[in-house]
Amino acid sequence: MRALDPLPRFRHLLIEGGAFSEEEIQVIEAQNARIYEESADRARKAPDPDPKSVFDFVVPELWTPDGDGLAAVAVTPAEVKGNAAPEMSLIGASTRR
């Protein structure tokens, strides 16, 4: 399976293509490992969240429209610049010439 892993394949492609040297790739990988470990340490040291917040940001607040929820104006006016404007879908409107 390792032969199919895209990261080593991409690494090889970057080196063979001359975009980066082996040393440059090793520096980038070392920086990434350091950033990863610093972030993991910060997460491990963070206090546990308040159990009451378990549902925060999971489901958005229910939205209810004002009034009956219907638009106050017609979606398509009966006329546009004196020409009849029949109701049609967006697909129909985009293909009409």
PDB file of N, CA and C in Angstrom:
ATOM      1  N   MET A   1       0.805  -1.191   0.000  1.00  0.00           N
ATOM      2  CA  MET A   1       0.000   0.000   0.000  1.00  0.00           C
ATOM      3  C   MET A   1       0.858   1.269   0.000  1.00  0.00           C
ATOM      4  N   ARG A   2       2.019   1.210   0.584  1.00  0.00           N
ATOM      5  CA  ARG A   2       2.879   2.394   0.655  1.00  0.00           C
ATOM      6  C   ARG A   2       3.183   2.936  -0.748  1.00  0.00           C
ATOM      7  N   ALA A   3       3.282   2.048  -1.736  1.00  0.00           N
ATOM      8  CA  ALA A   3       3.579   2.487  -3.105  1.00  0.00           C
ATOM      9  C   ALA A   3       2.458   3.345  -3.672  1.00  0.00           C
ATOM     10  N   LEU A   4       1.242   3.201  -3.144  1.00  0.00           N
ATOM     11  CA  LEU A   4       0.108   3.971  -3.630  1.00  0.00           C
ATOM     12  C   LEU A   4      -0.128   5.248  -2.831  1.00  0.00           C
ATOM     13  N   ASP A   5       0.587   5.414  -1.729  1.00  0.00           N
ATOM     14  CA  ASP A   5       0.435   6.599  -0.889  1.00  0.00           C
ATOM     15  C   ASP A   5       0.847   7.831  -1.699  1.00  0.00           C
ATOM     16  N   PRO A   6      -0.024   8.840  -1.830  1.00  0.00           N
ATOM     17  CA  PRO A   6       0.296   9.992  -2.675  1.00  0.00           C
ATOM     18  C   PRO A   6       1.416  10.880  -2.137  1.00  0.00           C
ATOM     19  N   LEU A   7       1.610  10.931  -0.823  1.00  0.00           N
ATOM     20  CA  LEU A   7       2.638  11.835  -0.296  1.00  0.00           C
ATOM     21  C   LEU A   7       4.051  11.412  -0.669  1.00  0.00           C
ATOM     22  N   PRO A   8       4.449  10.158  -0.460  1.00  0.00           N
ATOM     23  CA  PRO A   8       5.788   9.770  -0.898  1.00  0.00           C
ATOM     24  C   PRO A   8       5.945   9.872  -2.427  1.00  0.00           C
ATOM     25  N   ARG A   9       4.885   9.578  -3.137  1.00  0.00           N
ATOM     26  CA  ARG A   9       4.955   9.690  -4.598  1.00  0.00           C
ATOM     27  C   ARG A   9       5.172  11.148  -5.006  1.00  0.00           C
ATOM     28  N   PHE A  10       4.459  12.069  -4.348  1.00  0.00           N
ATOM     29  CA  PHE A  10       4.614  13.494  -4.654  1.00  0.00           C
ATOM     30  C   PHE A  10       6.005  13.978  -4.258  1.00  0.00           C
ATOM     31  N   ARG A  11       6.490  13.509  -3.121  1.00  0.00           N
ATOM     32  CA  ARG A  11       7.842  13.863  -2.663  1.00  0.00           C
ATOM     33  C   ARG A  11       8.859  13.446  -3.718  1.00  0.00           C
ATOM     34  N   HIS A  12       8.737  12.215  -4.203  1.00  0.00           N
ATOM     35  CA  HIS A  12       9.637  11.691  -5.230  1.00  0.00           C
ATOM     36  C   HIS A  12       9.540  12.538  -6.508  1.00  0.00           C
ATOM     37  N   LEU A  13       8.316  12.893  -6.900  1.00  0.00           N
ATOM     38  CA  LEU A  13       8.105  13.703  -8.094  1.00  0.00           C
ATOM     39  C   LEU A  13       8.768  15.071  -7.963  1.00  0.00           C
ATOM     40  N   LEU A  14       8.654  15.690  -6.795  1.00  0.00           N
ATOM     41  CA  LEU A  14       9.268  17.004  -6.575  1.00  0.00           C
ATOM     42  C   LEU A  14      10.788  16.936  -6.681  1.00  0.00           C
ATOM     43  N   ILE A  15      11.377  15.879  -6.131  1.00  0.00           N
ATOM     44  CA  ILE A  15      12.835  15.738  -6.175  1.00  0.00           C
ATOM     45  C   ILE A  15      13.296  15.389  -7.587  1.00  0.00           C
ATOM     46  N   GLU A  16      12.661  14.395  -8.195  1.00  0.00           N
ATOM     47  CA  GLU A  16      13.062  13.972  -9.545  1.00  0.00           C
ATOM     48  C   GLU A  16      12.834  15.066 -10.577  1.00  0.00           C
ATOM     49  N   GLY A  17      11.808  15.887 -10.368  1.00  0.00           N
ATOM     50  CA  GLY A  17      11.523  16.978 -11.293  1.00  0.00           C
ATOM     51  C   GLY A  17      12.405  18.190 -11.098  1.00  0.00           C
ATOM     52  N   GLY A  18      13.180  18.207 -10.031  1.00  0.00           N
ATOM     53  CA  GLY A  18      14.110  19.301  -9.790  1.00  0.00           C
ATOM     54  C   GLY A  18      13.503  20.491  -9.069  1.00  0.00           C
ATOM     55  N   ALA A  19      12.269  20.358  -8.597  1.00  0.00           N
ATOM     56  CA  ALA A  19      11.635  21.474  -7.891  1.00  0.00           C
ATOM     57  C   ALA A  19      12.287  21.695  -6.528  1.00  0.00           C
ATOM     58  N   PHE A  20      12.683  20.595  -5.863  1.00  0.00           N
ATOM     59  CA  PHE A  20      13.324  20.658  -4.553  1.00  0.00           C
ATOM     60  C   PHE A  20      14.424  19.618  -4.489  1.00  0.00           C
ATOM     61  N   SER A  21      15.425  19.913  -3.655  1.00  0.00           N
ATOM     62  CA  SER A  21      16.458  18.909  -3.405  1.00  0.00           C
ATOM     63  C   SER A  21      16.013  18.049  -2.222  1.00  0.00           C
ATOM     64  N   GLU A  22      16.689  16.945  -2.022  1.00  0.00           N
ATOM     65  CA  GLU A  22      16.387  16.065  -0.886  1.00  0.00           C
ATOM     66  C   GLU A  22      16.533  16.836   0.423  1.00  0.00           C
ATOM     67  N   GLU A  23      17.567  17.683   0.514  1.00  0.00           N
ATOM     68  CA  GLU A  23      17.815  18.450   1.732  1.00  0.00           C
ATOM     69  C   GLU A  23      16.682  19.447   1.987  1.00  0.00           C
ATOM     70  N   GLU A  24      16.202  20.111   0.933  1.00  0.00           N
ATOM     71  CA  GLU A  24      15.101  21.072   1.096  1.00  0.00           C
ATOM     72  C   GLU A  24      13.826  20.367   1.577  1.00  0.00           C
ATOM     73  N   ILE A  25      13.561  19.201   1.024  1.00  0.00           N
ATOM     74  CA  ILE A  25      12.394  18.424   1.442  1.00  0.00           C
ATOM     75  C   ILE A  25      12.537  18.029   2.913  1.00  0.00           C
ATOM     76  N   GLN A  26      13.742  17.625   3.334  1.00  0.00           N
ATOM     77  CA  GLN A  26      13.953  17.235   4.732  1.00  0.00           C
ATOM     78  C   GLN A  26      13.733  18.418   5.675  1.00  0.00           C
ATOM     79  N   VAL A  27      14.152  19.617   5.261  1.00  0.00           N
ATOM     80  CA  VAL A  27      13.930  20.813   6.085  1.00  0.00           C
ATOM     81  C   VAL A  27      12.431  21.082   6.219  1.00  0.00           C
ATOM     82  N   ILE A  28      11.704  20.987   5.109  1.00  0.00           N
ATOM     83  CA  ILE A  28      10.253  21.209   5.142  1.00  0.00           C
ATOM     84  C   ILE A  28       9.573  20.172   6.033  1.00  0.00           C
ATOM     85  N   GLU A  29       9.970  18.915   5.901  1.00  0.00           N
ATOM     86  CA  GLU A  29       9.386  17.853   6.722  1.00  0.00           C
ATOM     87  C   GLU A  29       9.686  18.067   8.206  1.00  0.00           C
ATOM     88  N   ALA A  30      10.889  18.534   8.526  1.00  0.00           N
ATOM     89  CA  ALA A  30      11.248  18.791   9.923  1.00  0.00           C
ATOM     90  C   ALA A  30      10.411  19.948  10.482  1.00  0.00           C
ATOM     91  N   GLN A  31      10.208  20.987   9.676  1.00  0.00           N
ATOM     92  CA  GLN A  31       9.373  22.107  10.108  1.00  0.00           C
ATOM     93  C   GLN A  31       7.939  21.640  10.354  1.00  0.00           C
ATOM     94  N   ASN A  32       7.426  20.832   9.450  1.00  0.00           N
ATOM     95  CA  ASN A  32       6.069  20.316   9.610  1.00  0.00           C
ATOM     96  C   ASN A  32       5.938  19.468  10.868  1.00  0.00           C
ATOM     97  N   ALA A  33       6.917  18.621  11.132  1.00  0.00           N
ATOM     98  CA  ALA A  33       6.887  17.780  12.326  1.00  0.00           C
ATOM     99  C   ALA A  33       6.919  18.634  13.593  1.00  0.00           C
ATOM    100  N   ARG A  34       7.739  19.697  13.583  1.00  0.00           N
ATOM    101  CA  ARG A  34       7.829  20.590  14.743  1.00  0.00           C
ATOM    102  C   ARG A  34       6.491  21.297  14.968  1.00  0.00           C
ATOM    103  N   ILE A  35       5.899  21.828  13.913  1.00  0.00           N
ATOM    104  CA  ILE A  35       4.606  22.521  14.033  1.00  0.00           C
ATOM    105  C   ILE A  35       3.530  21.556  14.531  1.00  0.00           C
ATOM    106  N   TYR A  36       3.537  20.343  14.007  1.00  0.00           N
ATOM    107  CA  TYR A  36       2.566  19.330  14.428  1.00  0.00           C
ATOM    108  C   TYR A  36       2.715  19.034  15.920  1.00  0.00           C
ATOM    109  N   GLU A  37       3.948  18.804  16.370  1.00  0.00           N
ATOM    110  CA  GLU A  37       4.178  18.477  17.780  1.00  0.00           C
ATOM    111  C   GLU A  37       3.814  19.640  18.698  1.00  0.00           C
ATOM    112  N   GLU A  38       4.136  20.876  18.285  1.00  0.00           N
ATOM    113  CA  GLU A  38       3.775  22.040  19.096  1.00  0.00           C
ATOM    114  C   GLU A  38       2.255  22.159  19.219  1.00  0.00           C
ATOM    115  N   SER A  39       1.565  21.932  18.121  1.00  0.00           N
ATOM    116  CA  SER A  39       0.099  22.008  18.137  1.00  0.00           C
ATOM    117  C   SER A  39      -0.492  20.893  18.991  1.00  0.00           C
ATOM    118  N   ALA A  40       0.047  19.691  18.873  1.00  0.00           N
ATOM    119  CA  ALA A  40      -0.445  18.564  19.664  1.00  0.00           C
ATOM    120  C   ALA A  40      -0.204  18.810  21.151  1.00  0.00           C
ATOM    121  N   ASP A  41       0.957  19.356  21.510  1.00  0.00           N
ATOM    122  CA  ASP A  41       1.249  19.669  22.910  1.00  0.00           C
ATOM    123  C   ASP A  41       0.269  20.712  23.445  1.00  0.00           C
ATOM    124  N   ARG A  42      -0.006  21.739  22.644  1.00  0.00           N
ATOM    125  CA  ARG A  42      -0.933  22.783  23.062  1.00  0.00           C
ATOM    126  C   ARG A  42      -2.330  22.185  23.285  1.00  0.00           C
ATOM    127  N   ALA A  43      -2.747  21.272  22.408  1.00  0.00           N
ATOM    128  CA  ALA A  43      -4.057  20.635  22.553  1.00  0.00           C
ATOM    129  C   ALA A  43      -4.096  19.747  23.793  1.00  0.00           C
ATOM    130  N   ARG A  44      -3.015  19.033  24.065  1.00  0.00           N
ATOM    131  CA  ARG A  44      -2.970  18.157  25.243  1.00  0.00           C
ATOM    132  C   ARG A  44      -3.039  18.956  26.546  1.00  0.00           C
ATOM    133  N   LYS A  45      -2.446  20.148  26.551  1.00  0.00           N
ATOM    134  CA  LYS A  45      -2.397  20.982  27.749  1.00  0.00           C
ATOM    135  C   LYS A  45      -3.656  21.822  27.933  1.00  0.00           C
ATOM    136  N   ALA A  46      -4.483  21.923  26.913  1.00  0.00           N
ATOM    137  CA  ALA A  46      -5.689  22.749  26.993  1.00  0.00           C
ATOM    138  C   ALA A  46      -6.664  22.140  28.001  1.00  0.00           C
ATOM    139  N   PRO A  47      -7.402  22.991  28.696  1.00  0.00           N
ATOM    140  CA  PRO A  47      -8.376  22.451  29.651  1.00  0.00           C
ATOM    141  C   PRO A  47      -9.519  21.745  28.907  1.00  0.00           C
ATOM    142  N   ASP A  48     -10.114  20.778  29.581  1.00  0.00           N
ATOM    143  CA  ASP A  48     -11.265  20.092  29.005  1.00  0.00           C
ATOM    144  C   ASP A  48     -12.411  21.089  28.855  1.00  0.00           C
ATOM    145  N   PRO A  49     -13.209  20.925  27.823  1.00  0.00           N
ATOM    146  CA  PRO A  49     -14.337  21.849  27.648  1.00  0.00           C
ATOM    147  C   PRO A  49     -15.419  21.611  28.694  1.00  0.00           C
ATOM    148  N   ASP A  50     -16.223  22.616  28.913  1.00  0.00           N
ATOM    149  CA  ASP A  50     -17.357  22.501  29.829  1.00  0.00           C
ATOM    150  C   ASP A  50     -18.353  21.505  29.240  1.00  0.00           C
ATOM    151  N   PRO A  51     -18.741  20.479  29.983  1.00  0.00           N
ATOM    152  CA  PRO A  51     -19.695  19.497  29.453  1.00  0.00           C
ATOM    153  C   PRO A  51     -20.999  20.112  28.967  1.00  0.00           C
ATOM    154  N   LYS A  52     -21.383  21.272  29.529  1.00  0.00           N
ATOM    155  CA  LYS A  52     -22.621  21.934  29.086  1.00  0.00           C
ATOM    156  C   LYS A  52     -22.518  22.428  27.641  1.00  0.00           C
ATOM    157  N   SER A  53     -21.300  22.531  27.123  1.00  0.00           N
ATOM    158  CA  SER A  53     -21.118  23.069  25.773  1.00  0.00           C
ATOM    159  C   SER A  53     -21.117  21.992  24.699  1.00  0.00           C
ATOM    160  N   VAL A  54     -21.479  20.755  25.061  1.00  0.00           N
ATOM    161  CA  VAL A  54     -21.376  19.638  24.129  1.00  0.00           C
ATOM    162  C   VAL A  54     -22.195  19.870  22.853  1.00  0.00           C
ATOM    163  N   PHE A  55     -23.295  20.592  22.951  1.00  0.00           N
ATOM    164  CA  PHE A  55     -24.128  20.809  21.772  1.00  0.00           C
ATOM    165  C   PHE A  55     -23.885  22.160  21.102  1.00  0.00           C
ATOM    166  N   ASP A  56     -22.977  22.958  21.629  1.00  0.00           N
ATOM    167  CA  ASP A  56     -22.664  24.244  20.997  1.00  0.00           C
ATOM    168  C   ASP A  56     -22.111  24.012  19.604  1.00  0.00           C
ATOM    169  N   PHE A  57     -22.607  24.728  18.650  1.00  0.00           N
ATOM    170  CA  PHE A  57     -22.129  24.723  17.265  1.00  0.00           C
ATOM    171  C   PHE A  57     -22.381  23.416  16.530  1.00  0.00           C
ATOM    172  N   VAL A  58     -23.186  22.525  17.085  1.00  0.00           N
ATOM    173  CA  VAL A  58     -23.480  21.259  16.415  1.00  0.00           C
ATOM    174  C   VAL A  58     -24.614  21.454  15.418  1.00  0.00           C
ATOM    175  N   VAL A  59     -25.679  22.088  15.855  1.00  0.00           N
ATOM    176  CA  VAL A  59     -26.839  22.331  15.016  1.00  0.00           C
ATOM    177  C   VAL A  59     -27.137  23.826  15.066  1.00  0.00           C
ATOM    178  N   PRO A  60     -27.332  24.460  13.925  1.00  0.00           N
ATOM    179  CA  PRO A  60     -27.613  25.901  13.961  1.00  0.00           C
ATOM    180  C   PRO A  60     -28.969  26.181  14.592  1.00  0.00           C
ATOM    181  N   GLU A  61     -29.114  27.405  15.062  1.00  0.00           N
ATOM    182  CA  GLU A  61     -30.395  27.825  15.617  1.00  0.00           C
ATOM    183  C   GLU A  61     -31.460  27.696  14.537  1.00  0.00           C
ATOM    184  N   LEU A  62     -32.642  27.262  14.922  1.00  0.00           N
ATOM    185  CA  LEU A  62     -33.738  27.114  13.982  1.00  0.00           C
ATOM    186  C   LEU A  62     -34.148  28.483  13.465  1.00  0.00           C
ATOM    187  N   TRP A  63     -34.256  28.619  12.159  1.00  0.00           N
ATOM    188  CA  TRP A  63     -34.665  29.879  11.552  1.00  0.00           C
ATOM    189  C   TRP A  63     -36.131  29.802  11.196  1.00  0.00           C
ATOM    190  N   THR A  64     -36.875  30.805  11.579  1.00  0.00           N
ATOM    191  CA  THR A  64     -38.276  30.882  11.190  1.00  0.00           C
ATOM    192  C   THR A  64     -38.495  32.218  10.507  1.00  0.00           C
ATOM    193  N   PRO A  65     -39.132  32.196   9.350  1.00  0.00           N
ATOM    194  CA  PRO A  65     -39.344  33.443   8.617  1.00  0.00           C
ATOM    195  C   PRO A  65     -40.393  34.306   9.302  1.00  0.00           C
ATOM    196  N   ASP A  66     -40.332  35.602   9.024  1.00  0.00           N
ATOM    197  CA  ASP A  66     -41.347  36.518   9.541  1.00  0.00           C
ATOM    198  C   ASP A  66     -42.666  36.262   8.817  1.00  0.00           C
ATOM    199  N   GLY A  67     -43.758  36.491   9.468  1.00  0.00           N
ATOM    200  CA  GLY A  67     -45.076  36.346   8.836  1.00  0.00           C
ATOM    201  C   GLY A  67     -45.340  34.911   8.437  1.00  0.00           C
ATOM    202  N   ASP A  68     -45.907  34.763   7.228  1.00  0.00           N
ATOM    203  CA  ASP A  68     -46.256  33.412   6.773  1.00  0.00           C
ATOM    204  C   ASP A  68     -45.118  32.751   6.000  1.00  0.00           C
ATOM    205  N   GLY A  69     -44.015  33.453   5.815  1.00  0.00           N
ATOM    206  CA  GLY A  69     -42.865  32.880   5.133  1.00  0.00           C
ATOM    207  C   GLY A  69     -42.900  33.015   3.628  1.00  0.00           C
ATOM    208  N   LEU A  70     -43.947  33.616   3.097  1.00  0.00           N
ATOM    209  CA  LEU A  70     -44.051  33.788   1.652  1.00  0.00           C
ATOM    210  C   LEU A  70     -43.472  35.133   1.251  1.00  0.00           C
ATOM    211  N   ALA A  71     -42.978  35.218   0.026  1.00  0.00           N
ATOM    212  CA  ALA A  71     -42.423  36.476  -0.473  1.00  0.00           C
ATOM    213  C   ALA A  71     -43.524  37.513  -0.596  1.00  0.00           C
ATOM    214  N   ALA A  72     -43.185  38.759  -0.367  1.00  0.00           N
ATOM    215  CA  ALA A  72     -44.171  39.834  -0.422  1.00  0.00           C
ATOM    216  C   ALA A  72     -44.490  40.245  -1.861  1.00  0.00           C
ATOM    217  N   VAL A  73     -43.607  39.915  -2.805  1.00  0.00           N
ATOM    218  CA  VAL A  73     -43.826  40.279  -4.208  1.00  0.00           C
ATOM    219  C   VAL A  73     -43.761  39.029  -5.067  1.00  0.00           C
ATOM    220  N   ALA A  74     -44.343  39.119  -6.272  1.00  0.00           N
ATOM    221  CA  ALA A  74     -44.301  37.983  -7.191  1.00  0.00           C
ATOM    222  C   ALA A  74     -42.859  37.708  -7.585  1.00  0.00           C
ATOM    223  N   VAL A  75     -42.518  36.446  -7.805  1.00  0.00           N
ATOM    224  CA  VAL A  75     -41.164  36.077  -8.190  1.00  0.00           C
ATOM    225  C   VAL A  75     -40.843  36.631  -9.566  1.00  0.00           C
ATOM    226  N   THR A  76     -41.768  36.486 -10.499  1.00  0.00           N
ATOM    227  CA  THR A  76     -41.576  36.999 -11.853  1.00  0.00           C
ATOM    228  C   THR A  76     -42.692  37.988 -12.139  1.00  0.00           C
ATOM    229  N   PRO A  77     -42.356  39.221 -12.504  1.00  0.00           N
ATOM    230  CA  PRO A  77     -43.426  40.171 -12.827  1.00  0.00           C
ATOM    231  C   PRO A  77     -44.162  39.736 -14.093  1.00  0.00           C
ATOM    232  N   ALA A  78     -45.393  40.170 -14.219  1.00  0.00           N
ATOM    233  CA  ALA A  78     -46.190  39.805 -15.393  1.00  0.00           C
ATOM    234  C   ALA A  78     -45.602  40.405 -16.666  1.00  0.00           C
ATOM    235  N   GLU A  79     -44.997  41.578 -16.532  1.00  0.00           N
ATOM    236  CA  GLU A  79     -44.402  42.237 -17.694  1.00  0.00           C
ATOM    237  C   GLU A  79     -43.049  42.823 -17.324  1.00  0.00           C
ATOM    238  N   VAL A  80     -42.156  42.842 -18.296  1.00  0.00           N
ATOM    239  CA  VAL A  80     -40.867  43.494 -18.142  1.00  0.00           C
ATOM    240  C   VAL A  80     -40.697  44.402 -19.347  1.00  0.00           C
ATOM    241  N   LYS A  81     -40.642  45.710 -19.101  1.00  0.00           N
ATOM    242  CA  LYS A  81     -40.515  46.698 -20.171  1.00  0.00           C
ATOM    243  C   LYS A  81     -41.595  46.519 -21.236  1.00  0.00           C
ATOM    244  N   GLY A  82     -42.815  46.243 -20.790  1.00  0.00           N
ATOM    245  CA  GLY A  82     -43.936  46.117 -21.704  1.00  0.00           C
ATOM    246  C   GLY A  82     -44.076  44.767 -22.378  1.00  0.00           C
ATOM    247  N   ASN A  83     -43.131  43.854 -22.173  1.00  0.00           N
ATOM    248  CA  ASN A  83     -43.195  42.515 -22.778  1.00  0.00           C
ATOM    249  C   ASN A  83     -43.641  41.500 -21.730  1.00  0.00           C
ATOM    250  N   ALA A  84     -44.436  40.532 -22.182  1.00  0.00           N
ATOM    251  CA  ALA A  84     -44.894  39.493 -21.264  1.00  0.00           C
ATOM    252  C   ALA A  84     -43.693  38.738 -20.710  1.00  0.00           C
ATOM    253  N   ALA A  85     -43.752  38.408 -19.432  1.00  0.00           N
ATOM    254  CA  ALA A  85     -42.656  37.685 -18.772  1.00  0.00           C
ATOM    255  C   ALA A  85     -43.225  36.415 -18.160  1.00  0.00           C
ATOM    256  N   PRO A  86     -43.321  35.347 -18.934  1.00  0.00           N
ATOM    257  CA  PRO A  86     -43.888  34.117 -18.384  1.00  0.00           C
ATOM    258  C   PRO A  86     -42.972  33.509 -17.321  1.00  0.00           C
ATOM    259  N   GLU A  87     -43.584  32.845 -16.363  1.00  0.00           N
ATOM    260  CA  GLU A  87     -42.823  32.162 -15.311  1.00  0.00           C
ATOM    261  C   GLU A  87     -41.985  31.050 -15.937  1.00  0.00           C
ATOM    262  N   MET A  88     -40.720  30.918 -15.553  1.00  0.00           N
ATOM    263  CA  MET A  88     -39.869  29.847 -16.070  1.00  0.00           C
ATOM    264  C   MET A  88     -38.770  29.543 -15.057  1.00  0.00           C
ATOM    265  N   SER A  89     -38.186  28.367 -15.222  1.00  0.00           N
ATOM    266  CA  SER A  89     -37.106  27.978 -14.318  1.00  0.00           C
ATOM    267  C   SER A  89     -35.822  28.713 -14.711  1.00  0.00           C
ATOM    268  N   LEU A  90     -34.822  28.682 -13.844  1.00  0.00           N
ATOM    269  CA  LEU A  90     -33.539  29.287 -14.171  1.00  0.00           C
ATOM    270  C   LEU A  90     -32.897  28.586 -15.373  1.00  0.00           C
ATOM    271  N   ILE A  91     -33.063  27.271 -15.451  1.00  0.00           N
ATOM    272  CA  ILE A  91     -32.498  26.528 -16.588  1.00  0.00           C
ATOM    273  C   ILE A  91     -33.161  26.972 -17.874  1.00  0.00           C
ATOM    274  N   GLY A  92     -34.484  27.093 -17.852  1.00  0.00           N
ATOM    275  CA  GLY A  92     -35.198  27.556 -19.032  1.00  0.00           C
ATOM    276  C   GLY A  92     -34.792  28.969 -19.416  1.00  0.00           C
ATOM    277  N   ALA A  93     -34.586  29.820 -18.430  1.00  0.00           N
ATOM    278  CA  ALA A  93     -34.198  31.202 -18.714  1.00  0.00           C
ATOM    279  C   ALA A  93     -32.807  31.273 -19.298  1.00  0.00           C
ATOM    280  N   SER A  94     -31.899  30.408 -18.849  1.00  0.00           N
ATOM    281  CA  SER A  94     -30.509  30.461 -19.325  1.00  0.00           C
ATOM    282  C   SER A  94     -30.371  29.907 -20.739  1.00  0.00           C
ATOM    283  N   THR A  95     -31.285  29.051 -21.167  1.00  0.00           N
ATOM    284  CA  THR A  95     -31.181  28.485 -22.504  1.00  0.00           C
ATOM    285  C   THR A  95     -32.029  29.234 -23.526  1.00  0.00           C
ATOM    286  N   ARG A  96     -32.843  30.159 -23.045  1.00  0.00           N
ATOM    287  CA  ARG A  96     -33.734  30.923 -23.926  1.00  0.00           C
ATOM    288  C   ARG A  96     -32.947  32.064 -24.555  1.00  0.00           C
ATOM    289  N   ARG A  97     -33.131  32.289 -25.809  1.00  0.00           N
ATOM    290  CA  ARG A  97     -32.408  33.380 -26.487  1.00  0.00           C
ATOM    291  C   ARG A  97     -33.352  34.337 -27.142  1.00  0.00           C
TER     292      ARG A  97
END
